[in-house]
Amino acid sequence: MEKPRKYKIEEEMNKLTLKSYKAASKIIPKYLDIAFNTFHNYRKLPLNGKADIPYATVRMLEGLFGMESGGLANYPIPLKSLETLIEEEKNSNKNQMQKQGL
């Protein structure tokens, strides 16, 4: 069984016809201004690996494959508003002060 990958690049490539797949394999690295091997490595990034693709490159790939922002990621991206984070921080500080008896 294949290991889960960080991005759905390979899945999107496999949706192409053989002729388009071969063309895309050459065109995409040129368009992204990266080496062919780098593009190949991007396609194989393990889900839990530390390596990642630069944000701008991910967005360009999403555009090439006609995906929405975040559509290429093969994992959930937790989102919180700044207001929520501030509230959580206030509550955390309040709880710490209560534990210390202040």
PDB file of N, CA and C in Angstrom:
ATOM      1  N   MET A   1       0.843  -1.191   0.000  1.00  0.00           N
ATOM      2  CA  MET A   1       0.000   0.000   0.000  1.00  0.00           C
ATOM      3  C   MET A   1       0.882   1.248   0.000  1.00  0.00           C
ATOM      4  N   GLU A   2       0.501   2.225  -0.816  1.00  0.00           N
ATOM      5  CA  GLU A   2       1.279   3.451  -0.894  1.00  0.00           C
ATOM      6  C   GLU A   2       1.070   4.302   0.348  1.00  0.00           C
ATOM      7  N   LYS A   3       2.146   4.995   0.727  1.00  0.00           N
ATOM      8  CA  LYS A   3       2.046   5.920   1.857  1.00  0.00           C
ATOM      9  C   LYS A   3       1.234   7.138   1.422  1.00  0.00           C
ATOM     10  N   PRO A   4       0.454   7.701   2.339  1.00  0.00           N
ATOM     11  CA  PRO A   4      -0.297   8.915   1.997  1.00  0.00           C
ATOM     12  C   PRO A   4       0.666  10.060   1.671  1.00  0.00           C
ATOM     13  N   ARG A   5       0.287  10.850   0.692  1.00  0.00           N
ATOM     14  CA  ARG A   5       1.126  11.973   0.267  1.00  0.00           C
ATOM     15  C   ARG A   5       0.549  13.287   0.773  1.00  0.00           C
ATOM     16  N   LYS A   6       1.440  14.263   0.930  1.00  0.00           N
ATOM     17  CA  LYS A   6       1.059  15.566   1.464  1.00  0.00           C
ATOM     18  C   LYS A   6       0.143  16.335   0.508  1.00  0.00           C
ATOM     19  N   TYR A   7       0.400  16.192  -0.780  1.00  0.00           N
ATOM     20  CA  TYR A   7      -0.377  16.926  -1.783  1.00  0.00           C
ATOM     21  C   TYR A   7      -0.950  15.978  -2.830  1.00  0.00           C
ATOM     22  N   LYS A   8      -2.035  16.393  -3.464  1.00  0.00           N
ATOM     23  CA  LYS A   8      -2.733  15.572  -4.454  1.00  0.00           C
ATOM     24  C   LYS A   8      -2.187  15.766  -5.867  1.00  0.00           C
ATOM     25  N   ILE A   9      -0.915  16.097  -5.992  1.00  0.00           N
ATOM     26  CA  ILE A   9      -0.329  16.353  -7.308  1.00  0.00           C
ATOM     27  C   ILE A   9      -0.397  15.094  -8.172  1.00  0.00           C
ATOM     28  N   GLU A  10       0.023  13.974  -7.623  1.00  0.00           N
ATOM     29  CA  GLU A  10       0.035  12.725  -8.387  1.00  0.00           C
ATOM     30  C   GLU A  10      -1.380  12.334  -8.810  1.00  0.00           C
ATOM     31  N   GLU A  11      -2.339  12.511  -7.924  1.00  0.00           N
ATOM     32  CA  GLU A  11      -3.736  12.204  -8.259  1.00  0.00           C
ATOM     33  C   GLU A  11      -4.210  13.042  -9.440  1.00  0.00           C
ATOM     34  N   GLU A  12      -3.877  14.332  -9.418  1.00  0.00           N
ATOM     35  CA  GLU A  12      -4.287  15.222 -10.506  1.00  0.00           C
ATOM     36  C   GLU A  12      -3.581  14.860 -11.803  1.00  0.00           C
ATOM     37  N   MET A  13      -2.310  14.517 -11.710  1.00  0.00           N
ATOM     38  CA  MET A  13      -1.560  14.115 -12.907  1.00  0.00           C
ATOM     39  C   MET A  13      -2.163  12.841 -13.506  1.00  0.00           C
ATOM     40  N   ASN A  14      -2.568  11.919 -12.657  1.00  0.00           N
ATOM     41  CA  ASN A  14      -3.119  10.646 -13.134  1.00  0.00           C
ATOM     42  C   ASN A  14      -4.491  10.795 -13.788  1.00  0.00           C
ATOM     43  N   LYS A  15      -5.132  11.925 -13.604  1.00  0.00           N
ATOM     44  CA  LYS A  15      -6.418  12.181 -14.266  1.00  0.00           C
ATOM     45  C   LYS A  15      -6.228  12.552 -15.741  1.00  0.00           C
ATOM     46  N   LEU A  16      -4.989  12.900 -16.101  1.00  0.00           N
ATOM     47  CA  LEU A  16      -4.697  13.335 -17.465  1.00  0.00           C
ATOM     48  C   LEU A  16      -4.580  12.148 -18.409  1.00  0.00           C
ATOM     49  N   THR A  17      -4.805  12.412 -19.692  1.00  0.00           N
ATOM     50  CA  THR A  17      -4.542  11.382 -20.695  1.00  0.00           C
ATOM     51  C   THR A  17      -3.033  11.164 -20.745  1.00  0.00           C
ATOM     52  N   LEU A  18      -2.596  10.058 -21.321  1.00  0.00           N
ATOM     53  CA  LEU A  18      -1.168   9.761 -21.394  1.00  0.00           C
ATOM     54  C   LEU A  18      -0.409  10.878 -22.106  1.00  0.00           C
ATOM     55  N   LYS A  19      -0.969  11.369 -23.201  1.00  0.00           N
ATOM     56  CA  LYS A  19      -0.324  12.442 -23.966  1.00  0.00           C
ATOM     57  C   LYS A  19      -0.207  13.717 -23.121  1.00  0.00           C
ATOM     58  N   SER A  20      -1.284  14.079 -22.439  1.00  0.00           N
ATOM     59  CA  SER A  20      -1.274  15.275 -21.585  1.00  0.00           C
ATOM     60  C   SER A  20      -0.356  15.084 -20.384  1.00  0.00           C
ATOM     61  N   TYR A  21      -0.328  13.873 -19.833  1.00  0.00           N
ATOM     62  CA  TYR A  21       0.537  13.562 -18.691  1.00  0.00           C
ATOM     63  C   TYR A  21       1.997  13.804 -19.058  1.00  0.00           C
ATOM     64  N   LYS A  22       2.401  13.288 -20.220  1.00  0.00           N
ATOM     65  CA  LYS A  22       3.792  13.463 -20.668  1.00  0.00           C
ATOM     66  C   LYS A  22       4.105  14.935 -20.892  1.00  0.00           C
ATOM     67  N   ALA A  23       3.176  15.652 -21.524  1.00  0.00           N
ATOM     68  CA  ALA A  23       3.383  17.082 -21.766  1.00  0.00           C
ATOM     69  C   ALA A  23       3.452  17.843 -20.444  1.00  0.00           C
ATOM     70  N   ALA A  24       2.539  17.547 -19.532  1.00  0.00           N
ATOM     71  CA  ALA A  24       2.500  18.234 -18.235  1.00  0.00           C
ATOM     72  C   ALA A  24       3.774  17.983 -17.441  1.00  0.00           C
ATOM     73  N   SER A  25       4.319  16.775 -17.530  1.00  0.00           N
ATOM     74  CA  SER A  25       5.552  16.435 -16.806  1.00  0.00           C
ATOM     75  C   SER A  25       6.718  17.313 -17.233  1.00  0.00           C
ATOM     76  N   LYS A  26       6.670  17.790 -18.462  1.00  0.00           N
ATOM     77  CA  LYS A  26       7.736  18.673 -18.966  1.00  0.00           C
ATOM     78  C   LYS A  26       7.395  20.146 -18.755  1.00  0.00           C
ATOM     79  N   ILE A  27       6.129  20.486 -18.990  1.00  0.00           N
ATOM     80  CA  ILE A  27       5.708  21.889 -18.957  1.00  0.00           C
ATOM     81  C   ILE A  27       5.637  22.445 -17.538  1.00  0.00           C
ATOM     82  N   ILE A  28       5.099  21.676 -16.604  1.00  0.00           N
ATOM     83  CA  ILE A  28       4.893  22.183 -15.243  1.00  0.00           C
ATOM     84  C   ILE A  28       6.203  22.605 -14.578  1.00  0.00           C
ATOM     85  N   PRO A  29       7.268  21.791 -14.604  1.00  0.00           N
ATOM     86  CA  PRO A  29       8.521  22.257 -13.988  1.00  0.00           C
ATOM     87  C   PRO A  29       9.048  23.547 -14.623  1.00  0.00           C
ATOM     88  N   LYS A  30       8.906  23.675 -15.944  1.00  0.00           N
ATOM     89  CA  LYS A  30       9.345  24.909 -16.619  1.00  0.00           C
ATOM     90  C   LYS A  30       8.530  26.097 -16.116  1.00  0.00           C
ATOM     91  N   TYR A  31       7.210  25.918 -16.062  1.00  0.00           N
ATOM     92  CA  TYR A  31       6.316  26.986 -15.622  1.00  0.00           C
ATOM     93  C   TYR A  31       6.624  27.417 -14.190  1.00  0.00           C
ATOM     94  N   LEU A  32       6.934  26.444 -13.333  1.00  0.00           N
ATOM     95  CA  LEU A  32       7.230  26.738 -11.929  1.00  0.00           C
ATOM     96  C   LEU A  32       8.672  27.176 -11.718  1.00  0.00           C
ATOM     97  N   ASP A  33       9.478  27.101 -12.773  1.00  0.00           N
ATOM     98  CA  ASP A  33      10.905  27.446 -12.723  1.00  0.00           C
ATOM     99  C   ASP A  33      11.643  26.576 -11.699  1.00  0.00           C
ATOM    100  N   ILE A  34      11.379  25.266 -11.782  1.00  0.00           N
ATOM    101  CA  ILE A  34      12.044  24.295 -10.917  1.00  0.00           C
ATOM    102  C   ILE A  34      12.568  23.156 -11.788  1.00  0.00           C
ATOM    103  N   ALA A  35      13.461  22.363 -11.235  1.00  0.00           N
ATOM    104  CA  ALA A  35      13.998  21.213 -11.955  1.00  0.00           C
ATOM    105  C   ALA A  35      12.944  20.107 -12.049  1.00  0.00           C
ATOM    106  N   PHE A  36      13.079  19.280 -13.073  1.00  0.00           N
ATOM    107  CA  PHE A  36      12.179  18.137 -13.234  1.00  0.00           C
ATOM    108  C   PHE A  36      12.187  17.267 -11.983  1.00  0.00           C
ATOM    109  N   ASN A  37      13.379  17.015 -11.434  1.00  0.00           N
ATOM    110  CA  ASN A  37      13.487  16.164 -10.240  1.00  0.00           C
ATOM    111  C   ASN A  37      12.799  16.790  -9.032  1.00  0.00           C
ATOM    112  N   THR A  38      12.853  18.103  -8.929  1.00  0.00           N
ATOM    113  CA  THR A  38      12.170  18.792  -7.828  1.00  0.00           C
ATOM    114  C   THR A  38      10.663  18.568  -7.935  1.00  0.00           C
ATOM    115  N   PHE A  39      10.138  18.709  -9.153  1.00  0.00           N
ATOM    116  CA  PHE A  39       8.704  18.466  -9.355  1.00  0.00           C
ATOM    117  C   PHE A  39       8.361  17.022  -9.010  1.00  0.00           C
ATOM    118  N   HIS A  40       9.198  16.103  -9.417  1.00  0.00           N
ATOM    119  CA  HIS A  40       8.981  14.686  -9.095  1.00  0.00           C
ATOM    120  C   HIS A  40       8.965  14.492  -7.575  1.00  0.00           C
ATOM    121  N   ASN A  41       9.897  15.138  -6.880  1.00  0.00           N
ATOM    122  CA  ASN A  41       9.947  15.032  -5.412  1.00  0.00           C
ATOM    123  C   ASN A  41       8.704  15.638  -4.762  1.00  0.00           C
ATOM    124  N   TYR A  42       8.217  16.758  -5.292  1.00  0.00           N
ATOM    125  CA  TYR A  42       6.999  17.379  -4.767  1.00  0.00           C
ATOM    126  C   TYR A  42       5.829  16.396  -4.832  1.00  0.00           C
ATOM    127  N   ARG A  43       5.762  15.640  -5.899  1.00  0.00           N
ATOM    128  CA  ARG A  43       4.661  14.696  -6.102  1.00  0.00           C
ATOM    129  C   ARG A  43       4.689  13.555  -5.096  1.00  0.00           C
ATOM    130  N   LYS A  44       5.838  13.288  -4.523  1.00  0.00           N
ATOM    131  CA  LYS A  44       6.005  12.131  -3.641  1.00  0.00           C
ATOM    132  C   LYS A  44       6.148  12.497  -2.165  1.00  0.00           C
ATOM    133  N   LEU A  45       5.991  13.761  -1.797  1.00  0.00           N
ATOM    134  CA  LEU A  45       6.182  14.166  -0.400  1.00  0.00           C
ATOM    135  C   LEU A  45       5.264  13.383   0.533  1.00  0.00           C
ATOM    136  N   PRO A  46       5.843  12.728   1.558  1.00  0.00           N
ATOM    137  CA  PRO A  46       5.001  11.972   2.492  1.00  0.00           C
ATOM    138  C   PRO A  46       4.174  12.910   3.373  1.00  0.00           C
ATOM    139  N   LEU A  47       3.001  12.459   3.723  1.00  0.00           N
ATOM    140  CA  LEU A  47       2.057  13.258   4.508  1.00  0.00           C
ATOM    141  C   LEU A  47       2.671  13.789   5.797  1.00  0.00           C
ATOM    142  N   ASN A  48       3.421  12.970   6.506  1.00  0.00           N
ATOM    143  CA  ASN A  48       3.986  13.378   7.793  1.00  0.00           C
ATOM    144  C   ASN A  48       5.422  13.869   7.695  1.00  0.00           C
ATOM    145  N   GLY A  49       5.938  14.069   6.491  1.00  0.00           N
ATOM    146  CA  GLY A  49       7.316  14.521   6.323  1.00  0.00           C
ATOM    147  C   GLY A  49       7.484  15.989   6.660  1.00  0.00           C
ATOM    148  N   LYS A  50       8.726  16.376   6.934  1.00  0.00           N
ATOM    149  CA  LYS A  50       9.021  17.776   7.269  1.00  0.00           C
ATOM    150  C   LYS A  50       9.149  18.645   6.024  1.00  0.00           C
ATOM    151  N   ALA A  51       9.542  18.049   4.906  1.00  0.00           N
ATOM    152  CA  ALA A  51       9.715  18.815   3.668  1.00  0.00           C
ATOM    153  C   ALA A  51       8.367  19.350   3.201  1.00  0.00           C
ATOM    154  N   ASP A  52       8.404  20.506   2.552  1.00  0.00           N
ATOM    155  CA  ASP A  52       7.172  21.100   2.055  1.00  0.00           C
ATOM    156  C   ASP A  52       7.452  21.871   0.777  1.00  0.00           C
ATOM    157  N   ILE A  53       6.399  22.293   0.128  1.00  0.00           N
ATOM    158  CA  ILE A  53       6.475  23.066  -1.100  1.00  0.00           C
ATOM    159  C   ILE A  53       6.208  24.523  -0.738  1.00  0.00           C
ATOM    160  N   PRO A  54       6.967  25.476  -1.306  1.00  0.00           N
ATOM    161  CA  PRO A  54       6.686  26.889  -1.028  1.00  0.00           C
ATOM    162  C   PRO A  54       5.229  27.241  -1.367  1.00  0.00           C
ATOM    163  N   TYR A  55       4.653  28.099  -0.551  1.00  0.00           N
ATOM    164  CA  TYR A  55       3.238  28.459  -0.677  1.00  0.00           C
ATOM    165  C   TYR A  55       2.886  28.929  -2.087  1.00  0.00           C
ATOM    166  N   ALA A  56       3.703  29.823  -2.645  1.00  0.00           N
ATOM    167  CA  ALA A  56       3.405  30.363  -3.975  1.00  0.00           C
ATOM    168  C   ALA A  56       3.373  29.248  -5.019  1.00  0.00           C
ATOM    169  N   THR A  57       4.239  28.271  -4.872  1.00  0.00           N
ATOM    170  CA  THR A  57       4.279  27.147  -5.808  1.00  0.00           C
ATOM    171  C   THR A  57       3.023  26.295  -5.673  1.00  0.00           C
ATOM    172  N   VAL A  58       2.584  26.066  -4.447  1.00  0.00           N
ATOM    173  CA  VAL A  58       1.346  25.306  -4.222  1.00  0.00           C
ATOM    174  C   VAL A  58       0.179  26.032  -4.883  1.00  0.00           C
ATOM    175  N   ARG A  59       0.100  27.344  -4.703  1.00  0.00           N
ATOM    176  CA  ARG A  59      -0.993  28.126  -5.303  1.00  0.00           C
ATOM    177  C   ARG A  59      -0.950  28.051  -6.824  1.00  0.00           C
ATOM    178  N   MET A  60       0.263  28.094  -7.393  1.00  0.00           N
ATOM    179  CA  MET A  60       0.388  27.985  -8.847  1.00  0.00           C
ATOM    180  C   MET A  60      -0.089  26.609  -9.321  1.00  0.00           C
ATOM    181  N   LEU A  61       0.272  25.569  -8.591  1.00  0.00           N
ATOM    182  CA  LEU A  61      -0.170  24.216  -8.944  1.00  0.00           C
ATOM    183  C   LEU A  61      -1.690  24.099  -8.840  1.00  0.00           C
ATOM    184  N   GLU A  62      -2.264  24.680  -7.798  1.00  0.00           N
ATOM    185  CA  GLU A  62      -3.722  24.660  -7.650  1.00  0.00           C
ATOM    186  C   GLU A  62      -4.379  25.341  -8.848  1.00  0.00           C
ATOM    187  N   GLY A  63      -3.788  26.445  -9.280  1.00  0.00           N
ATOM    188  CA  GLY A  63      -4.312  27.137 -10.455  1.00  0.00           C
ATOM    189  C   GLY A  63      -4.216  26.283 -11.708  1.00  0.00           C
ATOM    190  N   LEU A  64      -3.081  25.627 -11.893  1.00  0.00           N
ATOM    191  CA  LEU A  64      -2.894  24.768 -13.066  1.00  0.00           C
ATOM    192  C   LEU A  64      -3.924  23.644 -13.112  1.00  0.00           C
ATOM    193  N   PHE A  65      -4.233  23.091 -11.954  1.00  0.00           N
ATOM    194  CA  PHE A  65      -5.174  21.976 -11.893  1.00  0.00           C
ATOM    195  C   PHE A  65      -6.621  22.440 -11.688  1.00  0.00           C
ATOM    196  N   GLY A  66      -6.845  23.762 -11.702  1.00  0.00           N
ATOM    197  CA  GLY A  66      -8.200  24.297 -11.569  1.00  0.00           C
ATOM    198  C   GLY A  66      -8.811  24.067 -10.199  1.00  0.00           C
ATOM    199  N   MET A  67      -7.985  24.176  -9.163  1.00  0.00           N
ATOM    200  CA  MET A  67      -8.452  23.913  -7.798  1.00  0.00           C
ATOM    201  C   MET A  67      -8.580  25.209  -7.010  1.00  0.00           C
ATOM    202  N   GLU A  68      -9.437  25.174  -6.004  1.00  0.00           N
ATOM    203  CA  GLU A  68      -9.564  26.287  -5.065  1.00  0.00           C
ATOM    204  C   GLU A  68      -8.338  26.325  -4.159  1.00  0.00           C
ATOM    205  N   SER A  69      -8.142  27.443  -3.483  1.00  0.00           N
ATOM    206  CA  SER A  69      -7.053  27.559  -2.513  1.00  0.00           C
ATOM    207  C   SER A  69      -7.207  26.480  -1.446  1.00  0.00           C
ATOM    208  N   GLY A  70      -6.152  25.738  -1.197  1.00  0.00           N
ATOM    209  CA  GLY A  70      -6.178  24.664  -0.215  1.00  0.00           C
ATOM    210  C   GLY A  70      -6.612  23.324  -0.791  1.00  0.00           C
ATOM    211  N   GLY A  71      -7.031  23.306  -2.044  1.00  0.00           N
ATOM    212  CA  GLY A  71      -7.536  22.081  -2.659  1.00  0.00           C
ATOM    213  C   GLY A  71      -6.485  21.027  -2.940  1.00  0.00           C
ATOM    214  N   LEU A  72      -5.238  21.440  -3.022  1.00  0.00           N
ATOM    215  CA  LEU A  72      -4.165  20.493  -3.332  1.00  0.00           C
ATOM    216  C   LEU A  72      -3.694  19.734  -2.097  1.00  0.00           C
ATOM    217  N   ALA A  73      -3.939  20.306  -0.932  1.00  0.00           N
ATOM    218  CA  ALA A  73      -3.497  19.676   0.317  1.00  0.00           C
ATOM    219  C   ALA A  73      -4.277  18.392   0.565  1.00  0.00           C
ATOM    220  N   ASN A  74      -3.574  17.396   1.034  1.00  0.00           N
ATOM    221  CA  ASN A  74      -4.176  16.092   1.300  1.00  0.00           C
ATOM    222  C   ASN A  74      -4.385  15.907   2.802  1.00  0.00           C
ATOM    223  N   TYR A  75      -4.517  17.009   3.512  1.00  0.00           N
ATOM    224  CA  TYR A  75      -4.671  16.988   4.963  1.00  0.00           C
ATOM    225  C   TYR A  75      -5.493  18.207   5.362  1.00  0.00           C
ATOM    226  N   PRO A  76      -6.214  18.126   6.457  1.00  0.00           N
ATOM    227  CA  PRO A  76      -7.006  19.284   6.887  1.00  0.00           C
ATOM    228  C   PRO A  76      -6.100  20.398   7.420  1.00  0.00           C
ATOM    229  N   ILE A  77      -6.464  21.614   7.115  1.00  0.00           N
ATOM    230  CA  ILE A  77      -5.717  22.768   7.616  1.00  0.00           C
ATOM    231  C   ILE A  77      -6.619  23.471   8.627  1.00  0.00           C
ATOM    232  N   PRO A  78      -6.299  23.334   9.934  1.00  0.00           N
ATOM    233  CA  PRO A  78      -7.157  23.956  10.947  1.00  0.00           C
ATOM    234  C   PRO A  78      -7.066  25.484  10.870  1.00  0.00           C
ATOM    235  N   LEU A  79      -8.208  26.120  10.833  1.00  0.00           N
ATOM    236  CA  LEU A  79      -8.253  27.578  10.739  1.00  0.00           C
ATOM    237  C   LEU A  79      -8.998  28.152  11.933  1.00  0.00           C
ATOM    238  N   LYS A  80      -8.417  29.182  12.525  1.00  0.00           N
ATOM    239  CA  LYS A  80      -9.066  29.920  13.604  1.00  0.00           C
ATOM    240  C   LYS A  80      -8.918  31.401  13.300  1.00  0.00           C
ATOM    241  N   SER A  81      -9.901  32.167  13.720  1.00  0.00           N
ATOM    242  CA  SER A  81      -9.811  33.609  13.532  1.00  0.00           C
ATOM    243  C   SER A  81      -8.867  34.192  14.584  1.00  0.00           C
ATOM    244  N   LEU A  82      -8.348  35.361  14.311  1.00  0.00           N
ATOM    245  CA  LEU A  82      -7.485  36.044  15.266  1.00  0.00           C
ATOM    246  C   LEU A  82      -8.247  36.313  16.560  1.00  0.00           C
ATOM    247  N   GLU A  83      -9.512  36.671  16.433  1.00  0.00           N
ATOM    248  CA  GLU A  83     -10.344  36.937  17.609  1.00  0.00           C
ATOM    249  C   GLU A  83     -10.422  35.699  18.513  1.00  0.00           C
ATOM    250  N   THR A  84     -10.593  34.533  17.916  1.00  0.00           N
ATOM    251  CA  THR A  84     -10.648  33.279  18.681  1.00  0.00           C
ATOM    252  C   THR A  84      -9.329  33.025  19.392  1.00  0.00           C
ATOM    253  N   LEU A  85      -8.211  33.222  18.692  1.00  0.00           N
ATOM    254  CA  LEU A  85      -6.892  32.998  19.298  1.00  0.00           C
ATOM    255  C   LEU A  85      -6.646  33.936  20.475  1.00  0.00           C
ATOM    256  N   ILE A  86      -7.059  35.194  20.331  1.00  0.00           N
ATOM    257  CA  ILE A  86      -6.889  36.167  21.418  1.00  0.00           C
ATOM    258  C   ILE A  86      -7.716  35.739  22.626  1.00  0.00           C
ATOM    259  N   GLU A  87      -8.945  35.311  22.390  1.00  0.00           N
ATOM    260  CA  GLU A  87      -9.821  34.865  23.473  1.00  0.00           C
ATOM    261  C   GLU A  87      -9.238  33.635  24.167  1.00  0.00           C
ATOM    262  N   GLU A  88      -8.724  32.687  23.389  1.00  0.00           N
ATOM    263  CA  GLU A  88      -8.112  31.488  23.968  1.00  0.00           C
ATOM    264  C   GLU A  88      -6.890  31.850  24.811  1.00  0.00           C
ATOM    265  N   GLU A  89      -6.110  32.805  24.346  1.00  0.00           N
ATOM    266  CA  GLU A  89      -4.915  33.235  25.085  1.00  0.00           C
ATOM    267  C   GLU A  89      -5.315  33.896  26.399  1.00  0.00           C
ATOM    268  N   LYS A  90      -6.349  34.749  26.360  1.00  0.00           N
ATOM    269  CA  LYS A  90      -6.830  35.385  27.589  1.00  0.00           C
ATOM    270  C   LYS A  90      -7.291  34.336  28.587  1.00  0.00           C
ATOM    271  N   ASN A  91      -8.054  33.364  28.115  1.00  0.00           N
ATOM    272  CA  ASN A  91      -8.545  32.300  28.998  1.00  0.00           C
ATOM    273  C   ASN A  91      -7.401  31.467  29.553  1.00  0.00           C
ATOM    274  N   SER A  92      -6.410  31.208  28.752  1.00  0.00           N
ATOM    275  CA  SER A  92      -5.250  30.428  29.187  1.00  0.00           C
ATOM    276  C   SER A  92      -4.485  31.178  30.276  1.00  0.00           C
ATOM    277  N   ASN A  93      -4.289  32.471  30.066  1.00  0.00           N
ATOM    278  CA  ASN A  93      -3.583  33.285  31.064  1.00  0.00           C
ATOM    279  C   ASN A  93      -4.384  33.370  32.363  1.00  0.00           C
ATOM    280  N   LYS A  94      -5.703  33.494  32.238  1.00  0.00           N
ATOM    281  CA  LYS A  94      -6.572  33.563  33.413  1.00  0.00           C
ATOM    282  C   LYS A  94      -6.480  32.253  34.209  1.00  0.00           C
ATOM    283  N   ASN A  95      -6.497  31.122  33.512  1.00  0.00           N
ATOM    284  CA  ASN A  95      -6.401  29.814  34.174  1.00  0.00           C
ATOM    285  C   ASN A  95      -5.051  29.633  34.861  1.00  0.00           C
ATOM    286  N   GLN A  96      -3.991  30.107  34.238  1.00  0.00           N
ATOM    287  CA  GLN A  96      -2.659  29.996  34.844  1.00  0.00           C
ATOM    288  C   GLN A  96      -2.582  30.829  36.119  1.00  0.00           C
ATOM    289  N   MET A  97      -3.166  32.009  36.082  1.00  0.00           N
ATOM    290  CA  MET A  97      -3.148  32.870  37.263  1.00  0.00           C
ATOM    291  C   MET A  97      -3.960  32.239  38.391  1.00  0.00           C
ATOM    292  N   GLN A  98      -5.081  31.600  38.068  1.00  0.00           N
ATOM    293  CA  GLN A  98      -5.904  30.943  39.086  1.00  0.00           C
ATOM    294  C   GLN A  98      -5.156  29.770  39.707  1.00  0.00           C
ATOM    295  N   LYS A  99      -4.419  29.018  38.907  1.00  0.00           N
ATOM    296  CA  LYS A  99      -3.647  27.886  39.421  1.00  0.00           C
ATOM    297  C   LYS A  99      -2.542  28.357  40.361  1.00  0.00           C
ATOM    298  N   GLN A 100      -2.012  29.541  40.069  1.00  0.00           N
ATOM    299  CA  GLN A 100      -0.930  30.076  40.896  1.00  0.00           C
ATOM    300  C   GLN A 100      -1.477  30.799  42.127  1.00  0.00           C
ATOM    301  N   GLY A 101      -2.784  30.928  42.202  1.00  0.00           N
ATOM    302  CA  GLY A 101      -3.413  31.566  43.355  1.00  0.00           C
ATOM    303  C   GLY A 101      -3.316  33.074  43.329  1.00  0.00           C
ATOM    304  N   LEU A 102      -3.213  33.638  42.149  1.00  0.00           N
ATOM    305  CA  LEU A 102      -3.124  35.102  42.047  1.00  0.00           C
ATOM    306  C   LEU A 102      -4.475  35.737  41.872  1.00  0.00           C
TER     307      LEU A 102
END
